[in-house]
Protein backbone atom coordinates (compact mmCIF):
# COMPACT_ATOMS: atom_id res chain seq x y z
CA MET A 1 -16.02 21.48 16.83
CA LYS A 2 -14.47 19.54 19.55
CA ILE A 3 -13.58 15.64 19.72
CA ALA A 4 -16.36 14.31 22.32
CA ASN A 5 -15.94 10.61 22.28
CA VAL A 6 -13.40 8.05 21.15
CA GLU A 7 -14.09 4.20 20.95
CA ALA A 8 -12.25 1.10 19.63
CA TRP A 9 -13.07 -2.28 19.42
CA PRO A 10 -11.56 -5.56 17.63
CA VAL A 11 -13.25 -7.86 15.00
CA THR A 12 -11.93 -11.04 13.75
CA MET A 13 -13.12 -11.97 10.53
CA ARG A 14 -12.81 -15.46 9.12
CA LEU A 15 -11.55 -15.52 5.32
CA ALA A 16 -14.05 -17.45 2.93
CA GLU A 17 -10.99 -18.92 0.89
CA PRO A 18 -7.75 -19.03 3.35
CA TYR A 19 -4.38 -18.48 1.44
CA SER A 20 -1.05 -19.14 1.81
CA ILE A 21 2.05 -16.93 1.27
CA ALA A 22 5.95 -17.26 1.54
CA TYR A 23 6.19 -17.15 5.18
CA GLU A 24 2.46 -17.96 6.62
CA ASN A 25 -1.27 -19.57 6.10
CA VAL A 26 -3.78 -16.85 6.87
CA THR A 27 -7.43 -18.11 7.81
CA THR A 28 -8.49 -15.14 9.89
CA ALA A 29 -7.81 -11.28 10.07
CA THR A 30 -8.31 -9.25 12.86
CA ASN A 31 -9.11 -5.47 12.50
CA VAL A 32 -9.49 -2.84 15.20
CA PHE A 33 -12.07 -0.45 14.21
CA LEU A 34 -12.18 3.32 15.81
CA ARG A 35 -14.92 5.71 15.98
CA ILE A 36 -14.47 9.27 16.76
CA GLU A 37 -17.61 11.41 17.43
CA THR A 38 -17.55 15.20 17.71
CA ASN A 39 -19.89 17.63 19.76
CA ARG A 40 -21.65 18.32 16.84
CA GLY A 41 -22.48 14.84 16.11
CA VAL A 42 -20.12 14.40 13.15
CA VAL A 43 -18.71 10.60 12.98
CA GLY A 44 -15.26 9.52 11.97
CA TYR A 45 -14.37 5.91 11.26
CA GLY A 46 -11.13 4.41 10.76
CA CYS A 47 -9.68 0.87 11.42
CA ALA A 48 -6.36 -0.35 11.88
CA ALA A 49 -4.92 -3.91 10.18
CA PRO A 50 -2.00 -4.78 12.09
CA ASP A 51 0.58 -7.62 11.15
CA PRO A 52 3.47 -8.60 12.99
CA HIS A 53 5.27 -9.54 9.95
CA VAL A 54 4.44 -6.22 7.97
CA THR A 55 3.46 -3.60 10.35
CA GLY A 56 5.28 -5.01 13.69
CA GLU A 57 2.11 -4.63 15.84
CA ASP A 58 -0.44 -7.19 16.88
CA ASP A 59 -4.31 -6.14 17.30
CA ALA A 60 -3.83 -6.15 21.47
CA GLN A 61 -1.31 -3.45 21.13
CA VAL A 62 -3.24 -1.59 18.59
CA LEU A 63 -6.39 -1.38 20.80
CA HIS A 64 -4.33 -0.65 24.13
CA ALA A 65 -2.85 2.27 22.14
CA LEU A 66 -6.10 3.72 20.69
CA LYS A 67 -7.94 3.46 23.80
CA GLU A 68 -5.29 4.16 26.33
CA LEU A 69 -2.62 6.51 24.91
CA ALA A 70 -4.40 8.11 21.88
CA ALA A 71 -7.98 8.69 23.15
CA PRO A 72 -7.07 10.68 26.32
CA ARG A 73 -4.59 12.86 24.18
CA ILE A 74 -7.11 13.83 21.30
CA THR A 75 -10.57 14.24 23.33
CA GLY A 76 -11.29 17.71 23.70
CA SER A 77 -9.41 18.75 20.51
CA ASP A 78 -10.57 20.10 17.25
CA PRO A 79 -10.66 17.12 14.93
CA LEU A 80 -10.24 19.64 11.73
CA ARG A 81 -6.60 19.99 12.93
CA HIS A 82 -5.20 16.66 11.58
CA THR A 83 -1.70 17.33 11.29
CA MET A 84 -1.48 18.62 14.72
CA LEU A 85 -3.25 15.89 16.28
CA MET A 86 -0.91 13.42 14.18
CA GLU A 87 1.98 15.14 15.25
CA ARG A 88 1.06 14.98 18.96
CA LEU A 89 0.60 11.28 19.04
CA ARG A 90 3.60 10.59 16.65
CA LYS A 91 6.21 9.80 19.63
CA GLU A 92 3.95 7.39 21.46
CA LEU A 93 2.43 5.56 18.34
CA LYS A 94 5.76 5.76 16.20
CA PRO A 95 6.01 1.93 16.32
CA LEU A 96 2.42 1.38 15.83
CA PRO A 97 1.81 2.65 12.07
CA SER A 98 -1.76 0.89 11.90
CA ALA A 99 -3.08 2.42 14.83
CA ARG A 100 -2.04 5.95 13.26
CA ALA A 101 -3.69 4.79 10.18
CA ALA A 102 -6.96 4.31 11.84
CA ILE A 103 -6.91 7.58 13.64
CA ASP A 104 -5.87 9.38 10.32
CA MET A 105 -8.45 7.63 8.50
CA ALA A 106 -11.25 8.60 11.08
CA LEU A 107 -10.05 12.51 11.16
CA PHE A 108 -9.87 12.53 7.15
CA ASP A 109 -13.57 11.01 7.42
CA ILE A 110 -14.67 14.05 9.62
CA LEU A 111 -12.88 16.68 7.28
CA GLY A 112 -14.56 15.17 4.31
CA LYS A 113 -18.08 15.19 6.10
CA THR A 114 -17.75 18.58 7.62
CA ALA A 115 -16.78 19.99 4.19
CA GLY A 116 -19.59 17.75 2.39
CA MET A 117 -16.81 16.42 0.11
CA PRO A 118 -15.40 12.78 -0.59
CA VAL A 119 -11.79 12.73 0.46
CA TRP A 120 -10.59 11.84 -2.79
CA LYS A 121 -11.83 15.35 -4.25
CA LEU A 122 -10.44 17.26 -1.16
CA LEU A 123 -6.92 15.72 -1.54
CA GLY A 124 -6.80 16.58 -5.48
CA GLY A 125 -9.54 14.30 -7.31
CA TYR A 126 -7.27 13.42 -10.29
CA ARG A 127 -9.35 10.25 -11.28
CA SER A 128 -12.70 8.81 -10.25
CA ARG A 129 -11.82 5.04 -10.72
CA ILE A 130 -8.63 2.56 -11.01
CA ARG A 131 -8.15 -0.96 -11.80
CA THR A 132 -7.14 -3.47 -9.10
CA SER A 133 -5.44 -6.85 -8.97
CA VAL A 134 -6.99 -9.53 -7.32
CA THR A 135 -4.63 -12.09 -5.38
CA ILE A 136 -4.21 -15.78 -5.76
CA GLY A 137 -2.31 -17.60 -3.00
CA ILE A 138 0.29 -20.30 -3.13
CA MET A 139 -1.52 -23.39 -4.18
CA PRO A 140 -0.96 -26.51 -6.46
CA GLU A 141 -0.69 -25.44 -10.11
CA ARG A 142 -4.09 -27.08 -10.90
CA ASP A 143 -5.88 -25.13 -8.13
CA THR A 144 -4.01 -21.97 -9.31
CA VAL A 145 -5.09 -22.31 -12.71
CA SER A 146 -8.93 -23.06 -11.70
CA ALA A 147 -8.43 -19.94 -9.51
CA ALA A 148 -7.20 -17.81 -12.34
CA ARG A 149 -9.87 -18.88 -14.85
CA ASP A 150 -12.78 -18.31 -12.25
CA LEU A 151 -11.34 -14.61 -11.34
CA VAL A 152 -11.17 -13.78 -14.83
CA ALA A 153 -14.74 -15.03 -15.46
CA ARG A 154 -15.89 -12.78 -12.66
CA GLY A 155 -14.40 -9.71 -14.30
CA PHE A 156 -10.90 -8.99 -12.97
CA ARG A 157 -8.41 -8.33 -15.60
CA CYS A 158 -5.44 -8.10 -13.35
CA LEU A 159 -4.06 -11.06 -11.25
CA LYS A 160 -1.42 -11.14 -8.58
CA MET A 161 0.23 -14.54 -7.92
CA LYS A 162 1.84 -15.48 -4.64
CA GLY A 163 4.89 -17.50 -4.37
CA GLY A 164 8.47 -17.40 -2.94
CA ARG A 165 8.53 -20.90 -1.42
CA ASP A 166 10.00 -22.88 -4.51
CA VAL A 167 11.04 -20.97 -7.59
CA ASP A 168 10.81 -24.04 -9.94
CA GLU A 169 7.17 -24.47 -8.87
CA ASP A 170 6.64 -20.59 -9.13
CA ILE A 171 7.52 -20.51 -12.84
CA CYS A 172 5.35 -23.48 -13.79
CA ARG A 173 2.50 -21.90 -12.32
CA VAL A 174 2.80 -18.54 -13.84
CA MET A 175 3.29 -20.03 -17.09
CA LYS A 176 0.06 -22.23 -16.80
CA VAL A 177 -1.79 -19.22 -15.82
CA ARG A 178 -0.69 -17.18 -18.54
CA GLU A 179 -1.50 -20.12 -21.08
CA ALA A 180 -4.78 -20.50 -19.33
CA VAL A 181 -5.93 -16.67 -19.23
CA GLY A 182 -4.49 -15.55 -22.46
CA THR A 183 -2.57 -12.47 -23.07
CA GLY A 184 -4.93 -10.08 -22.40
CA ILE A 185 -5.13 -10.27 -18.61
CA GLU A 186 -2.35 -8.57 -16.58
CA LEU A 187 -0.15 -10.58 -14.52
CA ARG A 188 1.83 -9.63 -11.46
CA PHE A 189 3.98 -11.98 -9.10
CA ASP A 190 4.69 -11.10 -5.22
CA ALA A 191 7.43 -13.58 -3.68
CA ASN A 192 7.05 -12.17 -0.37
CA GLN A 193 10.83 -11.94 0.51
CA GLY A 194 10.93 -15.73 -0.47
CA TYR A 195 14.00 -15.42 -2.97
CA THR A 196 17.57 -15.06 -2.98
CA VAL A 197 18.96 -12.76 -5.76
CA GLU A 198 20.11 -15.67 -7.73
CA GLN A 199 16.76 -17.20 -7.38
CA SER A 200 15.01 -14.04 -8.53
CA LEU A 201 17.10 -13.89 -11.59
CA ARG A 202 16.09 -17.47 -12.35
CA PHE A 203 12.44 -16.59 -11.94
CA VAL A 204 12.64 -13.67 -14.07
CA ALA A 205 14.42 -15.67 -16.89
CA GLY A 206 11.79 -18.58 -16.46
CA THR A 207 8.75 -16.48 -16.75
CA ARG A 208 10.22 -13.91 -19.47
CA GLU A 209 7.48 -15.34 -21.86
CA ALA A 210 4.57 -14.79 -19.58
CA GLY A 211 5.02 -11.32 -19.96
CA LEU A 212 4.55 -10.33 -16.23
CA GLU A 213 3.77 -6.78 -15.37
CA LEU A 214 6.03 -6.55 -12.12
CA LEU A 215 7.70 -8.59 -9.39
CA GLU A 216 6.98 -7.43 -5.93
CA GLN A 217 9.34 -7.81 -3.16
CA PRO A 218 11.64 -10.92 -4.02
CA THR A 219 14.14 -10.40 -1.51
CA PRO A 220 14.35 -9.95 2.27
CA LYS A 221 13.13 -6.89 3.48
CA GLU A 222 16.07 -5.81 5.45
CA GLU A 223 18.44 -6.49 2.76
CA ILE A 224 17.32 -3.37 0.63
CA ASP A 225 20.95 -3.95 -1.49
CA GLN A 226 19.55 -7.13 -2.64
CA LEU A 227 16.64 -5.46 -4.28
CA GLY A 228 19.13 -3.21 -6.09
CA ARG A 229 21.12 -6.08 -7.33
CA VAL A 230 17.77 -7.87 -8.71
CA SER A 231 16.43 -4.81 -10.21
CA ARG A 232 19.75 -3.56 -12.05
CA ARG A 233 19.83 -6.98 -13.84
CA VAL A 234 16.28 -7.56 -15.03
CA SER A 235 14.03 -5.58 -17.50
CA LEU A 236 11.12 -6.42 -15.27
CA PRO A 237 9.99 -3.56 -13.26
CA VAL A 238 11.03 -4.48 -9.49
CA MET A 239 8.77 -3.35 -6.63
CA ALA A 240 9.51 -2.98 -3.01
CA ASP A 241 6.82 -3.81 -0.34
CA GLU A 242 7.71 -4.81 3.04
CA SER A 243 11.28 -3.21 2.60
CA ILE A 244 9.03 0.31 2.66
CA VAL A 245 7.24 1.27 5.59
CA THR A 246 8.19 4.73 6.47
CA LEU A 247 9.08 8.06 4.71
CA ARG A 248 12.81 7.25 5.49
CA ASP A 249 12.30 3.84 3.83
CA ALA A 250 11.22 5.49 0.78
CA PHE A 251 13.88 8.11 0.46
CA ARG A 252 16.64 5.40 1.02
CA LEU A 253 15.15 3.29 -1.58
CA ALA A 254 15.14 6.30 -4.11
CA ARG A 255 18.39 7.83 -3.20
CA SER A 256 20.08 4.74 -3.92
CA ASP A 257 18.01 3.80 -7.28
CA LEU A 258 17.18 0.30 -5.59
CA VAL A 259 13.63 -0.34 -7.39
CA ASP A 260 11.45 0.98 -9.92
CA MET A 261 8.11 0.95 -7.97
CA VAL A 262 6.90 1.04 -4.27
CA ASN A 263 4.01 -0.48 -2.68
CA VAL A 264 2.30 2.06 -0.46
CA LYS A 265 -0.10 0.53 2.43
CA LEU A 266 -1.80 2.93 4.77
CA MET A 267 -1.42 0.30 7.33
CA LYS A 268 2.60 0.47 7.00
CA ALA A 269 2.79 3.98 6.70
CA GLY A 270 0.35 5.40 8.98
CA GLY A 271 -2.40 6.53 7.19
CA ILE A 272 -3.23 8.97 4.09
CA GLY A 273 -1.28 11.67 5.37
CA GLU A 274 2.00 9.91 5.59
CA ALA A 275 0.99 7.94 2.19
CA ILE A 276 1.11 11.16 0.36
CA GLN A 277 4.48 12.32 1.28
CA ILE A 278 5.92 8.71 0.40
CA ASN A 279 4.16 9.04 -2.69
CA ALA A 280 5.80 12.72 -3.12
CA VAL A 281 9.34 11.19 -2.44
CA ALA A 282 8.75 8.66 -5.06
CA ARG A 283 7.34 11.13 -7.65
CA SER A 284 10.09 12.96 -7.23
CA ALA A 285 12.41 9.85 -7.77
CA GLY A 286 10.65 8.64 -10.96
CA LEU A 287 9.26 5.65 -9.14
CA GLU A 288 5.77 4.62 -9.74
CA VAL A 289 3.56 3.68 -6.78
CA MET A 290 1.15 0.98 -6.11
CA VAL A 291 -1.54 1.31 -3.21
CA GLY A 292 -1.79 -1.93 -1.60
CA CYS A 293 -3.70 -3.43 1.48
CA MET A 294 -3.50 -5.90 4.26
CA ASP A 295 -6.05 -8.29 4.89
CA GLU A 296 -8.43 -5.31 6.08
CA ALA A 297 -11.95 -4.23 6.21
CA ALA A 298 -13.73 -2.69 3.38
CA LEU A 299 -13.39 0.67 5.56
CA GLY A 300 -9.49 0.35 5.16
CA ILE A 301 -9.63 -0.29 1.58
CA ALA A 302 -12.13 2.73 1.25
CA ALA A 303 -9.41 4.97 2.69
CA GLY A 304 -6.86 3.32 0.37
CA LEU A 305 -8.92 3.98 -2.56
CA GLN A 306 -9.44 8.07 -1.51
CA PHE A 307 -5.55 8.20 -1.72
CA ALA A 308 -5.13 6.36 -4.91
CA LEU A 309 -7.83 8.41 -6.57
CA ALA A 310 -6.26 11.72 -5.57
CA ARG A 311 -2.88 11.34 -6.73
CA PRO A 312 -1.69 10.94 -10.61
CA ASN A 313 1.63 9.09 -9.55
CA VAL A 314 -0.43 6.12 -8.21
CA ALA A 315 -0.26 4.05 -11.18
CA TYR A 316 -1.37 0.55 -9.74
CA ALA A 317 -3.90 -0.45 -7.08
CA ASP A 318 -4.04 -3.78 -5.30
CA LEU A 319 -7.03 -3.10 -3.10
CA ASP A 320 -8.57 -6.66 -2.72
CA GLY A 321 -7.78 -7.28 1.06
CA HIS A 322 -11.67 -7.18 1.90
CA LEU A 323 -13.42 -9.27 -0.83
CA ASP A 324 -13.08 -12.83 1.23
CA LEU A 325 -13.57 -11.38 4.71
CA VAL A 326 -16.69 -12.77 6.39
CA ASP A 327 -18.95 -10.51 8.43
CA ASP A 328 -17.12 -7.24 7.88
CA PRO A 329 -18.90 -4.62 9.89
CA SER A 330 -17.89 -2.38 6.91
CA SER A 331 -18.82 -4.34 3.87
CA GLY A 332 -20.48 -2.55 1.05
CA SER A 333 -18.16 0.51 1.66
CA VAL A 334 -16.35 -0.18 -1.97
CA ARG A 335 -17.93 -0.28 -5.29
CA LEU A 336 -16.38 -2.88 -7.39
CA GLU A 337 -17.33 -3.36 -11.05
CA ALA A 338 -15.32 -5.55 -13.54
CA GLY A 339 -12.17 -5.52 -11.46
CA THR A 340 -12.23 -1.80 -11.12
CA VAL A 341 -12.80 0.14 -7.75
CA ILE A 342 -14.95 3.22 -8.30
CA ALA A 343 -15.17 6.44 -6.03
CA ASN A 344 -18.66 7.39 -4.64
CA GLU A 345 -19.82 11.05 -3.95
CA ASP A 346 -20.50 10.25 -0.15
CA PRO A 347 -18.61 12.80 1.93
CA GLY A 348 -15.69 11.71 3.86
CA LEU A 349 -14.33 8.07 3.22
CA GLY A 350 -17.74 7.06 1.93
CA ALA A 351 -17.92 4.12 4.18
CA ARG A 352 -20.52 2.42 6.39
CA VAL A 353 -19.94 0.76 9.42
CA ARG A 354 -22.36 -1.22 11.31
CA GLU A 355 -21.44 -1.05 14.92
């Protein structure tokens, strides 16, 4: 079997509910879709969700990389030789992790379809479902509480609140949400690099009675020692997100014992294959893993789910990036029930893409 054709195209999707985080307001998301077809008619799909703040790329760079750099180099090759192909592209696509992730996804999709198995089973099949958090962006206190109540009413049992602009307002919003939803709902908080060490400590002290599950990336991503200063001084688990992109980042964080958990996103890591390696480093260091996401189509979420279900060390999921996307060509690729994402038995990624 050989790769006969490679196509890539961008899709800009509006968010039904725009949101704000510490460093930007988000109203739309552009993903770049990828289609790899073999000479036997097997088709694999992938997508890239670039973000200049997180992955260091934009959609134009990714589209160019997939069409002009990757396509000529993999056409005519055996798509089942996943590692060989990804290594062939590594040097040229090193600064473009979401582009690599799209190729990785499509190759795994072809592998699963060829084997007649879902990728999550091919990779280990540890579990068939996992609870996901759902995100509440930065908004006024009253609106935050209203959003939390609505999400709980829709069946979600884990809420992730965004903050990082004003520590005192963040404390108030967390406490009001806990009061509104009760103690049976898990609460997580993501400061998106917005705090200093001192502000992080003040936030943890101020929200102690809320019983937060974790604190995600409170300090700037480049200052990884600051993450360590926070995690060593609080009992609340501290998670790295923007500070962990590559396998080397995972090693640096683990070697110096700077965090308790890491957020592995396929778009940052470069796909499922790289995510598995990062997860192995985390597991060896005793760090729990969350599989996270960007503002990405259901196709990308489906790929993240395959990874999450395959590995026992992936204890948490934040796979909600597709929920508010309008006119997602891959909508319906993920099954969600009462805040839990559930595997299907379809071969490959189990995704459906309307071209």
